[in-house]
Structure formats: C-alpha cells, structure tokens
Protein backbone atom coordinates (compact mmCIF):
# COMPACT_ATOMS: atom_id res chain seq x y z
CA MET A 1 3.72 24.46 -4.59
CA PRO A 2 4.47 24.05 -8.49
CA PHE A 3 6.38 21.24 -9.69
CA ASP A 4 7.98 20.40 -12.70
CA PHE A 5 10.86 17.62 -13.52
CA THR A 6 12.74 18.63 -16.73
CA HIS A 7 15.66 16.84 -18.29
CA GLU A 8 17.94 19.32 -16.83
CA ASP A 9 16.53 18.29 -13.37
CA TYR A 10 17.06 14.62 -14.56
CA GLN A 11 20.62 15.46 -15.46
CA ALA A 12 21.42 17.39 -12.34
CA VAL A 13 20.35 14.52 -10.02
CA PHE A 14 21.84 11.90 -11.61
CA ASN A 15 25.28 13.36 -12.43
CA LYS A 16 25.72 14.30 -8.77
CA THR A 17 24.91 10.65 -7.68
CA SER A 18 27.69 7.93 -7.27
CA GLU A 19 27.62 4.94 -9.57
CA LYS A 20 28.10 2.65 -6.25
CA THR A 21 24.70 3.70 -5.21
CA ALA A 22 22.39 0.90 -4.63
CA CYS A 23 19.07 0.85 -6.75
CA GLY A 24 15.63 -0.75 -5.95
CA PRO A 25 14.58 -4.45 -6.24
CA SER A 26 13.75 -4.01 -10.23
CA GLY A 27 17.35 -4.97 -11.03
CA LEU A 28 18.14 -1.36 -12.84
CA HIS A 29 21.57 -0.43 -11.88
CA MET A 30 22.59 3.08 -11.23
CA SER A 31 24.65 2.82 -14.28
CA HIS A 32 21.52 2.80 -16.28
CA TRP A 33 20.22 6.21 -14.87
CA LYS A 34 23.57 7.66 -15.18
CA ALA A 35 23.95 6.68 -18.71
CA GLY A 36 20.37 8.17 -19.49
CA ALA A 37 21.43 11.43 -18.08
CA GLU A 38 24.38 11.72 -20.46
CA HIS A 39 21.95 12.23 -23.51
CA GLU A 40 19.58 15.11 -23.67
CA GLU A 41 17.12 12.92 -25.51
CA ILE A 42 17.05 9.98 -23.21
CA SER A 43 17.17 12.25 -20.25
CA GLU A 44 14.00 13.88 -21.49
CA ILE A 45 12.01 10.74 -21.97
CA HIS A 46 13.08 9.51 -18.22
CA ALA A 47 12.31 12.97 -17.09
CA PHE A 48 9.04 12.93 -18.61
CA PHE A 49 7.75 9.50 -17.29
CA ILE A 50 8.75 10.69 -13.55
CA TRP A 51 7.03 14.00 -13.98
CA ALA A 52 3.90 12.27 -15.30
CA ALA A 53 3.55 9.88 -12.36
CA PHE A 54 3.70 12.91 -9.88
CA HIS A 55 1.52 15.23 -11.82
CA LEU A 56 -1.10 12.69 -12.96
CA GLY A 57 -0.92 10.74 -9.51
CA PHE A 58 -0.13 7.57 -10.18
CA SER A 59 2.66 5.24 -9.61
CA TYR A 60 4.71 2.42 -11.62
CA PRO A 61 4.46 -0.90 -10.20
CA ARG A 62 8.32 -1.07 -9.67
CA TRP A 63 7.93 2.23 -7.49
CA GLU A 64 5.60 0.27 -5.17
CA VAL A 65 8.27 -2.18 -3.79
CA SER A 66 11.40 -1.60 -1.78
CA TRP A 67 13.68 -3.16 0.22
CA HIS A 68 14.44 -2.75 3.79
CA SER A 69 17.79 -3.67 4.95
CA MET A 70 19.34 -3.44 8.30
CA LEU A 71 23.20 -2.50 8.43
CA GLN A 72 25.40 -2.61 11.76
CA LYS A 73 26.56 0.81 13.00
CA LYS A 74 30.22 0.49 13.96
CA SER A 75 31.58 -3.08 14.62
CA TYR A 76 29.02 -3.96 17.20
CA PRO A 77 26.59 -6.80 16.35
CA PHE A 78 24.05 -5.55 18.89
CA CYS A 79 20.26 -5.15 17.72
CA ASP A 80 20.53 -1.58 19.08
CA LYS A 81 23.66 -0.66 16.80
CA LEU A 82 21.42 -1.40 13.68
CA ARG A 83 20.42 0.97 11.03
CA ILE A 84 17.43 0.46 8.72
CA ILE A 85 17.88 1.63 5.08
CA GLN A 86 15.02 1.33 2.56
CA LEU A 87 15.82 0.89 -1.10
CA PHE A 88 13.52 2.60 -3.54
CA GLU A 89 13.72 2.62 -7.33
CA GLY A 90 16.64 4.68 -8.74
CA ASP A 91 14.26 7.34 -10.60
CA PHE A 92 11.69 7.33 -7.74
CA ASN A 93 14.48 7.85 -5.06
CA ALA A 94 15.84 10.82 -7.16
CA ALA A 95 12.24 12.31 -7.86
CA LEU A 96 11.72 12.20 -4.13
CA LYS A 97 15.16 13.94 -3.26
CA LEU A 98 14.25 16.66 -5.90
CA ILE A 99 10.72 17.04 -4.85
CA ILE A 100 11.05 16.73 -0.93
CA GLY A 101 14.41 17.41 -0.17
CA ARG A 102 14.93 20.38 -2.19
CA ARG A 103 11.92 22.01 -3.72
CA LEU A 104 9.34 21.39 -0.74
CA MET A 105 12.09 22.44 1.99
CA TYR A 106 12.59 25.57 0.00
CA HIS A 107 9.14 26.46 -0.74
CA TYR A 108 8.41 25.69 3.18
CA GLY A 109 11.39 27.95 4.16
CA LYS A 110 10.33 30.75 1.92
CA HIS A 111 6.55 30.76 2.75
CA ILE A 112 6.21 29.56 6.24
CA GLU A 113 8.60 29.81 9.06
CA PHE A 114 10.60 26.77 10.61
CA ASP A 115 10.22 26.04 14.14
CA LYS A 116 13.07 27.44 16.10
CA ASN A 117 13.83 23.71 17.35
CA THR A 118 14.32 22.35 13.88
CA PHE A 119 17.79 21.46 13.12
CA GLY A 120 17.76 18.84 10.44
CA SER A 121 18.80 19.45 6.68
CA LEU A 122 18.58 23.45 7.27
CA PRO A 123 21.08 25.95 6.42
CA GLY A 124 22.98 27.60 9.13
CA ARG A 125 21.69 25.00 11.88
CA THR A 126 24.14 22.47 13.07
CA ALA A 127 24.13 19.49 15.39
CA HIS A 128 26.17 21.57 17.81
CA GLU A 129 23.26 24.15 18.17
CA ALA A 130 20.69 21.10 18.90
CA LEU A 131 22.95 20.00 21.48
CA VAL A 132 23.55 23.47 23.22
CA CYS A 133 19.65 23.80 23.40
CA LEU A 134 19.12 20.41 24.84
CA GLN A 135 22.00 21.18 27.48
CA GLN A 136 20.23 24.42 28.33
CA LEU A 137 16.96 22.86 28.60
CA ILE A 138 18.34 20.12 31.10
CA ASP A 139 20.28 22.72 33.09
CA ASN A 140 17.08 24.83 33.33
CA HIS A 141 15.20 21.85 34.49
CA LYS A 142 18.06 21.09 37.06
CA LEU A 143 18.02 24.65 38.41
CA SER A 144 14.48 25.26 38.81
CA GLY A 145 14.18 21.48 40.47
CA ARG A 146 11.39 20.50 38.05
CA THR A 147 11.01 16.86 36.31
CA LEU A 148 11.67 16.21 33.20
CA GLY A 149 11.73 13.13 30.65
CA ILE A 150 13.35 12.96 27.44
CA LEU A 151 12.73 10.44 24.66
CA PHE A 152 15.10 10.27 21.66
CA ASN A 153 12.79 8.50 19.39
CA ASP A 154 15.49 7.07 16.90
CA ALA A 155 15.77 3.33 15.41
CA VAL A 156 17.24 2.35 18.86
CA GLY A 157 13.72 2.68 20.20
CA CYS A 158 11.96 0.99 17.45
CA TYR A 159 12.74 -2.76 18.11
CA ASP A 160 10.82 -3.16 21.20
CA ARG A 161 7.66 -1.98 19.50
CA VAL A 162 7.31 -4.65 16.97
CA ARG A 163 4.34 -6.79 17.69
CA SER A 164 4.96 -10.37 17.75
CA ASN A 165 1.88 -11.52 16.14
CA GLU A 166 2.12 -9.13 13.30
CA LEU A 167 5.76 -10.09 12.79
CA CYS A 168 4.85 -13.63 12.63
CA ILE A 169 2.32 -12.59 9.82
CA ALA A 170 4.82 -10.58 7.96
CA LEU A 171 7.60 -13.44 8.46
CA ARG A 172 5.16 -15.89 6.62
CA GLN A 173 4.68 -13.64 3.66
C-alpha cells in the first residue's frame, strides 16, 4: 500500500480534532498540534517527521510511551462497567488514524473483499445488521436443536484473564 503523509493530510487530521482531546504523556497539548496545522510551513515540518518515522521504520522515544486509563461506563462503579482507553502522542495517534483508519481500510476494501460478518467501521453496515445476523444464527440453532456457544470477547471478559503473578510485577514497576 503506498503511503505518504503530506502537510495537507496533517492539516486535515488536526483541523477536525477537538482541542479537548487528550494527548499522550509527553505533555504536549492538542493546542500545539492544532496550531501547527494553521501554518503551512509548520505543518510541513510536522508532516515530514511523521512521514519519516513510518517510511524509514523507526519510532521516536515519546511514541514508545502510552498511558492506559480506565473510565466508568455509565454511572456504575463495577469492574465490568469499566472501559480502557490508551493515550498515545497526538501526532502518532493522528498518523495511525490516517494510515490504518482511512487509507488501509480503503485499500483493503478496494483490493480485498471484507468478510460478510464484518460490521465495524464499514460504510453501509450498521450494528442493527449485526444483531439481525446474530438473532438469525440463534434462531437457526434453536429450530434445529443444535448446541450453540457464543462468546462476546469485549473488555468485560478481560479482567479475569489477568494473571496475578504478572500483575504484581507490573505494579512494582
């Protein structure tokens, strides 16, 4: 897949981003990245550094650190109602959004056909279609008398998979 990150891409990504968006652990605020998008020369410099890292295959030390935060879903303080978000640096996150979220998905959709059961982030496919497919699967198994086991592997299913001995080592660090 051809990849290029120009100053137009930089400006397009950061002009749409809200200034309230949290950035990574380096302390650079989203205002820094948005201000760079307002001037063509500065956006060219930022775009070059992003392009160079991906094109030449290296990463900046500030890209190698991220923060994981747990936020409550709704107003329930239960462990299974938590959501984990990962905060990357603003420029790294923008590059991933553009490369993976837009260009790679477009390239994949153009050259390779998506599976019929794939619904996330695809145009023309909604969550309601996924529910209808799931309901048809369950009804089919009920009518034929076959056994069916379904696993929804979301963040809810991850908390009991954390090994206590590895958790202790991570917490000590």
